[in-house]
Amino acid sequence: MCSACLLRQVLATSSRSGDSMKSLASIAAAAVFLIGCVSTNASLIDPSVHLARTCPDGIKLYTTPDRVGQPYREIAVLNAKGESNWSDEDDMIESMRDKAAEVGANGIILSGIDEPSALTKVIGQVAKTGSQRKGKALAIYVPSDSTNTATACANAKKK
């Protein structure tokens, strides 16, 4: 279980327990390792290409390839997964944006997010194994959008 998920679980458990000092200590310990409930990996399409890292705020989200509207280079295939009880679609997209920025992309074309079925979620709860939602996307670099990406990243640093 990721640390953010652990923190959420500690918060839920501590609100039901009576010992506030133990609860605060548990929350503080979990907070030290806070990283997020979704993990995304990137499989580089051409490992010989090395682009400068961008920032998540500079990553545009496209729902289909034709929505890009400009020539682009495919950088990496992104695969995200997260515990369905502790993440949502926004978390999935945020994690994919983070990974896309890491590999130097300035856009992602979302292929979809697959939700576990209701039955899978129930079985995961009963068996204490959880259930995962999964997302796929293609990290891309749109050369004509590089100025907009740089501006978005500069504005994000000012916040």
N, C-alpha and C. Protein backbone atom coordinates (compact mmCIF):
# COMPACT_ATOMS: atom_id res chain seq x y z
N MET A 1 0.86 -1.19 0.00
CA MET A 1 0.00 0.00 0.00
C MET A 1 0.89 1.23 0.00
N CYS A 2 0.55 2.18 -0.84
CA CYS A 2 1.36 3.39 -0.90
C CYS A 2 1.16 4.22 0.36
N SER A 3 2.08 5.13 0.60
CA SER A 3 2.05 5.88 1.85
C SER A 3 0.85 6.82 1.96
N ALA A 4 0.43 7.42 0.85
CA ALA A 4 -0.75 8.29 0.92
C ALA A 4 -1.98 7.46 1.27
N CYS A 5 -2.03 6.27 0.69
CA CYS A 5 -3.14 5.37 1.02
C CYS A 5 -3.08 5.00 2.50
N LEU A 6 -1.87 4.73 2.97
CA LEU A 6 -1.68 4.41 4.37
C LEU A 6 -2.11 5.57 5.26
N LEU A 7 -1.75 6.78 4.87
CA LEU A 7 -2.15 7.96 5.63
C LEU A 7 -3.66 8.07 5.71
N ARG A 8 -4.32 7.86 4.58
CA ARG A 8 -5.79 7.93 4.58
C ARG A 8 -6.38 6.87 5.50
N GLN A 9 -5.79 5.66 5.48
CA GLN A 9 -6.28 4.59 6.34
C GLN A 9 -6.05 4.93 7.81
N VAL A 10 -4.88 5.48 8.12
CA VAL A 10 -4.58 5.89 9.50
C VAL A 10 -5.56 6.96 9.96
N LEU A 11 -5.84 7.93 9.08
CA LEU A 11 -6.80 8.99 9.43
C LEU A 11 -8.17 8.41 9.73
N ALA A 12 -8.61 7.47 8.89
CA ALA A 12 -9.92 6.86 9.10
C ALA A 12 -9.95 6.07 10.40
N THR A 13 -8.89 5.32 10.67
CA THR A 13 -8.82 4.51 11.88
C THR A 13 -8.70 5.40 13.12
N SER A 14 -7.88 6.44 13.04
CA SER A 14 -7.65 7.29 14.21
C SER A 14 -8.90 8.07 14.59
N SER A 15 -9.75 8.37 13.62
CA SER A 15 -10.97 9.11 13.96
C SER A 15 -11.92 8.23 14.76
N ARG A 16 -11.74 6.91 14.68
CA ARG A 16 -12.60 6.00 15.44
C ARG A 16 -11.98 5.63 16.78
N SER A 17 -10.68 5.85 16.94
CA SER A 17 -10.03 5.48 18.20
C SER A 17 -10.06 6.64 19.18
N GLY A 18 -9.83 6.35 20.45
CA GLY A 18 -9.91 7.38 21.46
C GLY A 18 -8.59 8.04 21.82
N ASP A 19 -7.47 7.46 21.46
CA ASP A 19 -6.17 7.98 21.86
C ASP A 19 -5.64 8.95 20.81
N SER A 20 -5.80 10.23 21.06
CA SER A 20 -5.43 11.24 20.06
C SER A 20 -3.92 11.36 19.89
N MET A 21 -3.13 11.14 20.94
CA MET A 21 -1.67 11.24 20.81
C MET A 21 -1.13 10.13 19.92
N LYS A 22 -1.62 8.90 20.10
CA LYS A 22 -1.19 7.80 19.24
C LYS A 22 -1.61 8.07 17.80
N SER A 23 -2.80 8.61 17.65
CA SER A 23 -3.31 8.92 16.32
C SER A 23 -2.44 9.96 15.64
N LEU A 24 -2.07 11.01 16.37
CA LEU A 24 -1.21 12.05 15.79
C LEU A 24 0.15 11.50 15.41
N ALA A 25 0.70 10.64 16.25
CA ALA A 25 2.00 10.04 15.95
C ALA A 25 1.91 9.16 14.71
N SER A 26 0.84 8.40 14.59
CA SER A 26 0.65 7.54 13.42
C SER A 26 0.50 8.37 12.16
N ILE A 27 -0.27 9.45 12.25
CA ILE A 27 -0.47 10.33 11.11
C ILE A 27 0.84 10.98 10.69
N ALA A 28 1.62 11.43 11.66
CA ALA A 28 2.91 12.06 11.35
C ALA A 28 3.85 11.08 10.68
N ALA A 29 3.88 9.83 11.17
CA ALA A 29 4.74 8.82 10.58
C ALA A 29 4.32 8.51 9.15
N ALA A 30 3.03 8.41 8.91
CA ALA A 30 2.54 8.13 7.56
C ALA A 30 2.80 9.32 6.64
N ALA A 31 2.67 10.52 7.15
CA ALA A 31 2.85 11.72 6.34
C ALA A 31 4.28 11.87 5.83
N VAL A 32 5.24 11.35 6.58
CA VAL A 32 6.64 11.43 6.18
C VAL A 32 6.86 10.75 4.83
N PHE A 33 6.08 9.71 4.55
CA PHE A 33 6.26 8.94 3.33
C PHE A 33 5.20 9.24 2.27
N LEU A 34 4.51 10.35 2.41
CA LEU A 34 3.42 10.68 1.50
C LEU A 34 3.92 10.82 0.06
N ILE A 35 3.37 9.99 -0.87
CA ILE A 35 3.78 10.07 -2.27
C ILE A 35 2.63 9.99 -3.26
N GLY A 36 1.49 9.53 -2.91
CA GLY A 36 0.39 9.40 -3.85
C GLY A 36 -0.07 7.96 -4.00
N CYS A 37 -1.29 7.80 -4.40
CA CYS A 37 -1.90 6.48 -4.47
C CYS A 37 -1.88 5.88 -5.86
N VAL A 38 -1.28 6.52 -6.81
CA VAL A 38 -1.23 6.02 -8.17
C VAL A 38 0.22 5.97 -8.60
N SER A 39 0.58 4.90 -9.27
CA SER A 39 1.94 4.83 -9.83
C SER A 39 1.82 4.71 -11.35
N THR A 40 2.74 5.35 -12.03
CA THR A 40 2.76 5.33 -13.49
C THR A 40 4.15 4.97 -13.96
N ASN A 41 4.23 4.07 -14.91
CA ASN A 41 5.53 3.78 -15.51
C ASN A 41 5.52 4.25 -16.96
N ALA A 42 6.68 4.51 -17.48
CA ALA A 42 6.83 4.98 -18.86
C ALA A 42 7.76 4.03 -19.60
N SER A 43 7.29 3.55 -20.72
CA SER A 43 8.13 2.74 -21.61
C SER A 43 8.49 3.62 -22.80
N LEU A 44 9.76 4.01 -22.83
CA LEU A 44 10.21 4.91 -23.89
C LEU A 44 10.10 4.24 -25.26
N ILE A 45 9.59 4.96 -26.21
CA ILE A 45 9.45 4.43 -27.56
C ILE A 45 10.82 4.40 -28.25
N ASP A 46 11.62 5.43 -28.08
CA ASP A 46 12.97 5.49 -28.63
C ASP A 46 13.91 5.90 -27.50
N PRO A 47 14.53 4.92 -26.82
CA PRO A 47 15.40 5.24 -25.68
C PRO A 47 16.59 6.13 -26.01
N SER A 48 16.91 6.29 -27.28
CA SER A 48 18.04 7.15 -27.64
C SER A 48 17.66 8.63 -27.62
N VAL A 49 16.37 8.93 -27.56
CA VAL A 49 15.90 10.32 -27.52
C VAL A 49 15.82 10.78 -26.07
N HIS A 50 16.49 11.88 -25.78
CA HIS A 50 16.48 12.43 -24.43
C HIS A 50 16.00 13.88 -24.50
N LEU A 51 14.81 14.11 -23.97
CA LEU A 51 14.24 15.46 -23.94
C LEU A 51 14.39 16.06 -22.55
N ALA A 52 14.46 17.37 -22.49
CA ALA A 52 14.54 18.04 -21.20
C ALA A 52 13.23 17.86 -20.45
N ARG A 53 13.35 17.65 -19.17
CA ARG A 53 12.17 17.50 -18.32
C ARG A 53 11.30 18.75 -18.41
N THR A 54 10.00 18.56 -18.43
CA THR A 54 9.07 19.68 -18.39
C THR A 54 8.41 19.68 -17.01
N CYS A 55 7.20 20.17 -16.91
CA CYS A 55 6.49 20.16 -15.63
C CYS A 55 5.07 19.67 -15.86
N PRO A 56 4.44 19.10 -14.85
CA PRO A 56 3.08 18.58 -15.01
C PRO A 56 2.08 19.63 -15.50
N ASP A 57 2.25 20.89 -15.08
CA ASP A 57 1.34 21.95 -15.52
C ASP A 57 1.47 22.24 -17.02
N GLY A 58 2.56 21.84 -17.62
CA GLY A 58 2.77 22.07 -19.04
C GLY A 58 2.30 20.93 -19.92
N ILE A 59 1.73 19.90 -19.32
CA ILE A 59 1.28 18.72 -20.08
C ILE A 59 -0.19 18.88 -20.45
N LYS A 60 -0.46 18.97 -21.75
CA LYS A 60 -1.84 19.05 -22.22
C LYS A 60 -2.41 17.64 -22.35
N LEU A 61 -3.68 17.52 -22.06
CA LEU A 61 -4.38 16.24 -22.16
C LEU A 61 -5.23 16.24 -23.42
N TYR A 62 -5.04 15.22 -24.24
CA TYR A 62 -5.84 15.04 -25.45
C TYR A 62 -6.61 13.73 -25.32
N THR A 63 -7.83 13.72 -25.81
CA THR A 63 -8.66 12.52 -25.71
C THR A 63 -8.52 11.61 -26.92
N THR A 64 -8.08 12.15 -28.04
CA THR A 64 -7.83 11.35 -29.25
C THR A 64 -6.65 11.97 -30.00
N PRO A 65 -5.97 11.18 -30.82
CA PRO A 65 -4.83 11.71 -31.58
C PRO A 65 -5.20 12.87 -32.50
N ASP A 66 -6.39 12.85 -33.10
CA ASP A 66 -6.75 13.93 -34.02
C ASP A 66 -7.01 15.24 -33.30
N ARG A 67 -7.21 15.22 -31.99
CA ARG A 67 -7.40 16.44 -31.21
C ARG A 67 -6.10 17.23 -31.04
N VAL A 68 -4.96 16.58 -31.25
CA VAL A 68 -3.68 17.28 -31.12
C VAL A 68 -3.60 18.36 -32.19
N GLY A 69 -4.01 18.04 -33.40
CA GLY A 69 -4.11 19.04 -34.47
C GLY A 69 -2.80 19.54 -35.04
N GLN A 70 -1.68 19.02 -34.56
CA GLN A 70 -0.36 19.45 -35.02
C GLN A 70 0.55 18.23 -35.05
N PRO A 71 1.62 18.30 -35.81
CA PRO A 71 2.57 17.18 -35.81
C PRO A 71 3.15 16.98 -34.40
N TYR A 72 3.34 15.72 -34.03
CA TYR A 72 3.91 15.40 -32.72
C TYR A 72 4.78 14.16 -32.81
N ARG A 73 5.62 14.01 -31.82
CA ARG A 73 6.50 12.84 -31.73
C ARG A 73 6.05 11.99 -30.55
N GLU A 74 5.92 10.69 -30.75
CA GLU A 74 5.57 9.78 -29.67
C GLU A 74 6.80 9.55 -28.81
N ILE A 75 6.65 9.77 -27.51
CA ILE A 75 7.78 9.68 -26.59
C ILE A 75 7.76 8.39 -25.77
N ALA A 76 6.61 8.09 -25.16
CA ALA A 76 6.54 6.93 -24.27
C ALA A 76 5.10 6.45 -24.12
N VAL A 77 4.97 5.17 -23.84
CA VAL A 77 3.69 4.59 -23.48
C VAL A 77 3.61 4.66 -21.96
N LEU A 78 2.52 5.21 -21.45
CA LEU A 78 2.33 5.36 -20.01
C LEU A 78 1.29 4.36 -19.52
N ASN A 79 1.60 3.69 -18.43
CA ASN A 79 0.67 2.77 -17.78
C ASN A 79 0.57 3.17 -16.32
N ALA A 80 -0.65 3.48 -15.90
CA ALA A 80 -0.88 3.90 -14.52
C ALA A 80 -1.78 2.88 -13.83
N LYS A 81 -1.56 2.73 -12.53
CA LYS A 81 -2.45 1.88 -11.74
C LYS A 81 -2.57 2.46 -10.35
N GLY A 82 -3.73 2.27 -9.78
CA GLY A 82 -3.98 2.79 -8.44
C GLY A 82 -5.09 2.04 -7.75
N GLU A 83 -5.00 1.97 -6.46
CA GLU A 83 -6.03 1.31 -5.65
C GLU A 83 -7.34 2.06 -5.84
N SER A 84 -8.39 1.36 -6.24
CA SER A 84 -9.65 2.03 -6.57
C SER A 84 -10.30 2.69 -5.36
N ASN A 85 -10.04 2.20 -4.17
CA ASN A 85 -10.62 2.83 -2.96
C ASN A 85 -9.93 4.13 -2.59
N TRP A 86 -8.69 4.31 -3.07
CA TRP A 86 -7.90 5.46 -2.62
C TRP A 86 -7.48 6.38 -3.76
N SER A 87 -8.03 6.19 -4.93
CA SER A 87 -7.67 7.04 -6.05
C SER A 87 -8.89 7.26 -6.93
N ASP A 88 -8.80 8.26 -7.80
CA ASP A 88 -9.86 8.50 -8.76
C ASP A 88 -9.22 8.86 -10.10
N GLU A 89 -10.06 9.21 -11.07
CA GLU A 89 -9.54 9.51 -12.40
C GLU A 89 -8.58 10.71 -12.39
N ASP A 90 -8.88 11.70 -11.56
CA ASP A 90 -7.98 12.86 -11.47
C ASP A 90 -6.60 12.44 -10.98
N ASP A 91 -6.55 11.53 -10.01
CA ASP A 91 -5.27 11.04 -9.52
C ASP A 91 -4.50 10.31 -10.63
N MET A 92 -5.23 9.53 -11.44
CA MET A 92 -4.60 8.80 -12.53
C MET A 92 -3.99 9.77 -13.54
N ILE A 93 -4.76 10.78 -13.93
CA ILE A 93 -4.28 11.74 -14.91
C ILE A 93 -3.12 12.55 -14.35
N GLU A 94 -3.21 12.94 -13.08
CA GLU A 94 -2.11 13.68 -12.44
C GLU A 94 -0.82 12.86 -12.45
N SER A 95 -0.92 11.58 -12.13
CA SER A 95 0.25 10.71 -12.12
C SER A 95 0.83 10.56 -13.53
N MET A 96 -0.04 10.44 -14.53
CA MET A 96 0.44 10.33 -15.91
C MET A 96 1.09 11.64 -16.36
N ARG A 97 0.54 12.77 -15.95
CA ARG A 97 1.16 14.06 -16.29
C ARG A 97 2.55 14.16 -15.66
N ASP A 98 2.67 13.73 -14.41
CA ASP A 98 3.97 13.76 -13.73
C ASP A 98 5.01 12.93 -14.50
N LYS A 99 4.61 11.74 -14.89
CA LYS A 99 5.55 10.85 -15.59
C LYS A 99 5.87 11.39 -16.99
N ALA A 100 4.86 11.93 -17.67
CA ALA A 100 5.09 12.51 -19.00
C ALA A 100 6.09 13.67 -18.91
N ALA A 101 5.93 14.51 -17.88
CA ALA A 101 6.86 15.63 -17.69
C ALA A 101 8.27 15.12 -17.43
N GLU A 102 8.37 14.04 -16.70
CA GLU A 102 9.68 13.46 -16.38
C GLU A 102 10.44 13.03 -17.64
N VAL A 103 9.70 12.53 -18.63
CA VAL A 103 10.37 12.07 -19.86
C VAL A 103 10.46 13.16 -20.93
N GLY A 104 10.02 14.38 -20.60
CA GLY A 104 10.18 15.51 -21.51
C GLY A 104 9.02 15.74 -22.47
N ALA A 105 7.90 15.08 -22.23
CA ALA A 105 6.74 15.28 -23.10
C ALA A 105 6.05 16.60 -22.76
N ASN A 106 5.19 17.05 -23.64
CA ASN A 106 4.37 18.22 -23.33
C ASN A 106 2.88 17.95 -23.61
N GLY A 107 2.57 16.67 -23.81
CA GLY A 107 1.18 16.27 -23.99
C GLY A 107 1.00 14.80 -23.73
N ILE A 108 -0.22 14.40 -23.46
CA ILE A 108 -0.56 12.98 -23.37
C ILE A 108 -1.88 12.76 -24.11
N ILE A 109 -1.92 11.65 -24.82
CA ILE A 109 -3.16 11.22 -25.46
C ILE A 109 -3.69 10.07 -24.62
N LEU A 110 -4.80 10.32 -23.97
CA LEU A 110 -5.38 9.35 -23.05
C LEU A 110 -6.05 8.23 -23.83
N SER A 111 -5.67 7.00 -23.53
CA SER A 111 -6.29 5.85 -24.18
C SER A 111 -7.49 5.36 -23.39
N GLY A 112 -7.51 5.66 -22.12
CA GLY A 112 -8.65 5.25 -21.30
C GLY A 112 -8.24 4.88 -19.90
N ILE A 113 -9.24 4.85 -19.03
CA ILE A 113 -9.05 4.41 -17.64
C ILE A 113 -10.07 3.31 -17.40
N ASP A 114 -9.56 2.15 -17.03
CA ASP A 114 -10.42 1.00 -16.78
C ASP A 114 -10.72 0.89 -15.30
N GLU A 115 -12.00 0.87 -14.99
CA GLU A 115 -12.46 0.73 -13.62
C GLU A 115 -12.71 -0.75 -13.32
N PRO A 116 -12.37 -1.20 -12.11
CA PRO A 116 -12.75 -2.56 -11.75
C PRO A 116 -14.27 -2.64 -11.62
N SER A 117 -14.81 -3.80 -11.93
CA SER A 117 -16.26 -3.98 -11.82
C SER A 117 -16.68 -3.92 -10.35
N ALA A 118 -17.96 -3.70 -10.14
CA ALA A 118 -18.49 -3.66 -8.77
C ALA A 118 -18.20 -4.97 -8.05
N LEU A 119 -18.34 -6.09 -8.74
CA LEU A 119 -18.07 -7.40 -8.14
C LEU A 119 -16.61 -7.52 -7.73
N THR A 120 -15.71 -7.06 -8.59
CA THR A 120 -14.27 -7.10 -8.27
C THR A 120 -13.97 -6.25 -7.04
N LYS A 121 -14.62 -5.08 -6.94
CA LYS A 121 -14.42 -4.22 -5.77
C LYS A 121 -14.90 -4.90 -4.49
N VAL A 122 -16.06 -5.55 -4.57
CA VAL A 122 -16.61 -6.25 -3.39
C VAL A 122 -15.69 -7.39 -2.99
N ILE A 123 -15.25 -8.18 -3.95
CA ILE A 123 -14.35 -9.30 -3.65
C ILE A 123 -13.05 -8.78 -3.05
N GLY A 124 -12.54 -7.69 -3.59
CA GLY A 124 -11.31 -7.08 -3.06
C GLY A 124 -11.48 -6.61 -1.63
N GLN A 125 -12.65 -6.07 -1.30
CA GLN A 125 -12.93 -5.63 0.07
C GLN A 125 -12.99 -6.82 1.01
N VAL A 126 -13.72 -7.85 0.61
CA VAL A 126 -13.89 -9.04 1.46
C VAL A 126 -12.56 -9.75 1.66
N ALA A 127 -11.81 -9.91 0.59
CA ALA A 127 -10.53 -10.62 0.66
C ALA A 127 -9.38 -9.74 1.18
N LYS A 128 -9.66 -8.45 1.39
CA LYS A 128 -8.66 -7.49 1.86
C LYS A 128 -7.48 -7.38 0.88
N THR A 129 -7.78 -7.57 -0.41
CA THR A 129 -6.74 -7.46 -1.43
C THR A 129 -6.88 -6.17 -2.23
N GLY A 130 -8.02 -5.52 -2.13
CA GLY A 130 -8.26 -4.29 -2.88
C GLY A 130 -8.52 -4.58 -4.34
N SER A 131 -8.70 -3.53 -5.10
CA SER A 131 -8.90 -3.65 -6.54
C SER A 131 -8.26 -2.43 -7.18
N GLN A 132 -7.81 -2.60 -8.41
CA GLN A 132 -7.07 -1.51 -9.05
C GLN A 132 -7.79 -0.97 -10.28
N ARG A 133 -7.68 0.35 -10.43
CA ARG A 133 -8.08 0.97 -11.68
C ARG A 133 -6.79 1.14 -12.48
N LYS A 134 -6.90 1.07 -13.78
CA LYS A 134 -5.72 1.15 -14.64
C LYS A 134 -5.96 2.15 -15.75
N GLY A 135 -4.91 2.87 -16.10
CA GLY A 135 -5.01 3.85 -17.17
C GLY A 135 -3.86 3.71 -18.14
N LYS A 136 -4.12 4.07 -19.38
CA LYS A 136 -3.09 4.04 -20.42
C LYS A 136 -3.11 5.36 -21.16
N ALA A 137 -1.93 5.79 -21.56
CA ALA A 137 -1.82 7.03 -22.34
C ALA A 137 -0.53 6.98 -23.15
N LEU A 138 -0.46 7.87 -24.11
CA LEU A 138 0.74 8.02 -24.92
C LEU A 138 1.32 9.39 -24.63
N ALA A 139 2.55 9.43 -24.13
CA ALA A 139 3.23 10.71 -23.90
C ALA A 139 3.78 11.17 -25.24
N ILE A 140 3.51 12.46 -25.56
CA ILE A 140 3.92 13.00 -26.86
C ILE A 140 4.66 14.32 -26.66
N TYR A 141 5.41 14.70 -27.70
CA TYR A 141 6.05 16.00 -27.73
C TYR A 141 5.57 16.73 -28.98
N VAL A 142 4.94 17.87 -28.77
CA VAL A 142 4.43 18.70 -29.86
C VAL A 142 5.40 19.89 -29.98
N PRO A 143 6.29 19.88 -30.97
CA PRO A 143 7.29 20.95 -31.09
C PRO A 143 6.69 22.36 -31.13
N SER A 144 5.58 22.52 -31.84
CA SER A 144 4.99 23.86 -31.97
C SER A 144 4.35 24.35 -30.67
N ASP A 145 4.25 23.47 -29.68
CA ASP A 145 3.66 23.85 -28.39
C ASP A 145 4.71 24.09 -27.31
N SER A 146 5.99 24.03 -27.68
CA SER A 146 7.05 24.12 -26.67
C SER A 146 7.06 25.47 -25.94
N THR A 147 6.72 26.55 -26.62
CA THR A 147 6.67 27.87 -25.97
C THR A 147 5.56 27.91 -24.92
N ASN A 148 4.38 27.35 -25.27
CA ASN A 148 3.27 27.31 -24.31
C ASN A 148 3.63 26.46 -23.10
N THR A 149 4.37 25.37 -23.34
CA THR A 149 4.79 24.50 -22.23
C THR A 149 5.74 25.26 -21.30
N ALA A 150 6.71 25.96 -21.87
CA ALA A 150 7.67 26.72 -21.07
C ALA A 150 6.96 27.80 -20.25
N THR A 151 5.98 28.46 -20.86
CA THR A 151 5.21 29.50 -20.14
C THR A 151 4.42 28.88 -18.99
N ALA A 152 3.76 27.77 -19.25
CA ALA A 152 2.98 27.10 -18.20
C ALA A 152 3.87 26.67 -17.04
N CYS A 153 5.04 26.17 -17.34
CA CYS A 153 5.98 25.73 -16.29
C CYS A 153 6.52 26.93 -15.51
N ALA A 154 6.81 28.03 -16.20
CA ALA A 154 7.30 29.23 -15.52
C ALA A 154 6.22 29.78 -14.59
N ASN A 155 4.97 29.78 -15.05
CA ASN A 155 3.86 30.26 -14.21
C ASN A 155 3.63 29.34 -13.01
N ALA A 156 3.84 28.04 -13.20
CA ALA A 156 3.66 27.10 -12.09
C ALA A 156 4.71 27.32 -11.00
N LYS A 157 5.92 27.73 -11.39
CA LYS A 157 6.99 28.00 -10.42
C LYS A 157 6.68 29.23 -9.57
N LYS A 158 5.93 30.17 -10.15
CA LYS A 158 5.59 31.40 -9.43
C LYS A 158 4.56 31.18 -8.33
N LYS A 159 3.81 30.11 -8.45
CA LYS A 159 2.72 29.86 -7.48
C LYS A 159 3.26 29.49 -6.12
